[in-house]
Amino acid sequence: MSRKVIDYKIISSSNPRFVEKEVKKLLSEGWELLGGASIGEINRGGTMDGFCQSMVKYEA
């Protein structure tokens, strides 16, 4: 049986500690991870790393 997703968020930042803090906060609020963390390069006049994590909330 599949669960119904009622909300979806993508946490992203060039700061991995910020992403980690936000993910921990959302986990404590009932959100769940959707897939693994993603790391990539973002070019905005210079190159920097970008960190992303998808989060979902399911219907109770």
C-alpha atoms as a PDB file:
ATOM      1  CA  MET A   1       0.000   0.000   0.000  1.00  0.00           C
ATOM      2  CA  SER A   2       1.407   3.406  -0.926  1.00  0.00           C
ATOM      3  CA  ARG A   3       1.271   6.430   1.321  1.00  0.00           C
ATOM      4  CA  LYS A   4      -0.020   9.783   0.065  1.00  0.00           C
ATOM      5  CA  VAL A   5       2.491  12.653   0.050  1.00  0.00           C
ATOM      6  CA  ILE A   6       0.869  15.820   1.405  1.00  0.00           C
ATOM      7  CA  ASP A   7       3.888  18.167   1.307  1.00  0.00           C
ATOM      8  CA  TYR A   8       7.352  18.305  -0.267  1.00  0.00           C
ATOM      9  CA  LYS A   9      10.426  20.459   0.394  1.00  0.00           C
ATOM     10  CA  ILE A  10      13.935  20.729  -0.975  1.00  0.00           C
ATOM     11  CA  ILE A  11      16.521  21.962   1.505  1.00  0.00           C
ATOM     12  CA  SER A  12      19.494  23.489  -0.318  1.00  0.00           C
ATOM     13  CA  SER A  13      22.507  25.586   0.557  1.00  0.00           C
ATOM     14  CA  SER A  14      26.213  25.931  -0.136  1.00  0.00           C
ATOM     15  CA  ASN A  15      26.691  25.276   3.597  1.00  0.00           C
ATOM     16  CA  PRO A  16      26.392  21.556   4.480  1.00  0.00           C
ATOM     17  CA  ARG A  17      25.948  22.364   8.193  1.00  0.00           C
ATOM     18  CA  PHE A  18      22.863  24.466   7.374  1.00  0.00           C
ATOM     19  CA  VAL A  19      21.354  21.602   5.361  1.00  0.00           C
ATOM     20  CA  GLU A  20      22.106  19.159   8.179  1.00  0.00           C
ATOM     21  CA  LYS A  21      20.493  21.449  10.785  1.00  0.00           C
ATOM     22  CA  GLU A  22      17.353  21.988   8.688  1.00  0.00           C
ATOM     23  CA  VAL A  23      16.992  18.271   7.908  1.00  0.00           C
ATOM     24  CA  LYS A  24      17.295  17.353  11.603  1.00  0.00           C
ATOM     25  CA  LYS A  25      14.664  19.984  12.479  1.00  0.00           C
ATOM     26  CA  LEU A  26      12.247  18.713   9.823  1.00  0.00           C
ATOM     27  CA  LEU A  27      12.777  15.079  10.859  1.00  0.00           C
ATOM     28  CA  SER A  28      11.759  16.030  14.400  1.00  0.00           C
ATOM     29  CA  GLU A  29       8.582  17.614  12.939  1.00  0.00           C
ATOM     30  CA  GLY A  30       7.501  14.410  11.180  1.00  0.00           C
ATOM     31  CA  TRP A  31       9.070  14.962   7.758  1.00  0.00           C
ATOM     32  CA  GLU A  32      10.885  12.056   6.086  1.00  0.00           C
ATOM     33  CA  LEU A  33      13.881  11.878   3.755  1.00  0.00           C
ATOM     34  CA  LEU A  34      13.180  11.245   0.084  1.00  0.00           C
ATOM     35  CA  GLY A  35      16.307   9.759  -1.444  1.00  0.00           C
ATOM     36  CA  GLY A  36      19.826  10.650  -0.479  1.00  0.00           C
ATOM     37  CA  ALA A  37      21.594  13.973  -0.244  1.00  0.00           C
ATOM     38  CA  SER A  38      22.725  15.519  -3.509  1.00  0.00           C
ATOM     39  CA  ILE A  39      25.957  17.446  -3.979  1.00  0.00           C
ATOM     40  CA  GLY A  40      26.775  19.489  -7.064  1.00  0.00           C
ATOM     41  CA  GLU A  41      28.547  22.554  -8.326  1.00  0.00           C
ATOM     42  CA  ILE A  42      26.722  25.832  -8.735  1.00  0.00           C
ATOM     43  CA  ASN A  43      28.267  28.529 -10.900  1.00  0.00           C
ATOM     44  CA  ARG A  44      27.174  32.048  -9.950  1.00  0.00           C
ATOM     45  CA  GLY A  45      30.143  34.091 -11.054  1.00  0.00           C
ATOM     46  CA  GLY A  46      32.363  31.557  -9.325  1.00  0.00           C
ATOM     47  CA  THR A  47      32.198  27.904  -8.467  1.00  0.00           C
ATOM     48  CA  MET A  48      30.880  26.632  -5.166  1.00  0.00           C
ATOM     49  CA  ASP A  49      29.404  23.397  -3.924  1.00  0.00           C
ATOM     50  CA  GLY A  50      25.671  23.006  -3.470  1.00  0.00           C
ATOM     51  CA  PHE A  51      24.022  20.552  -1.077  1.00  0.00           C
ATOM     52  CA  CYS A  52      20.380  19.451  -1.374  1.00  0.00           C
ATOM     53  CA  GLN A  53      18.033  17.074   0.423  1.00  0.00           C
ATOM     54  CA  SER A  54      14.448  16.302  -0.573  1.00  0.00           C
ATOM     55  CA  MET A  55      11.945  15.918   2.255  1.00  0.00           C
ATOM     56  CA  VAL A  56       8.336  14.718   2.220  1.00  0.00           C
ATOM     57  CA  LYS A  57       5.453  14.640   4.647  1.00  0.00           C
ATOM     58  CA  TYR A  58       2.948  11.818   4.341  1.00  0.00           C
ATOM     59  CA  GLU A  59      -0.744  11.778   5.175  1.00  0.00           C
ATOM     60  CA  ALA A  60      -1.316  10.437   8.676  1.00  0.00           C
END
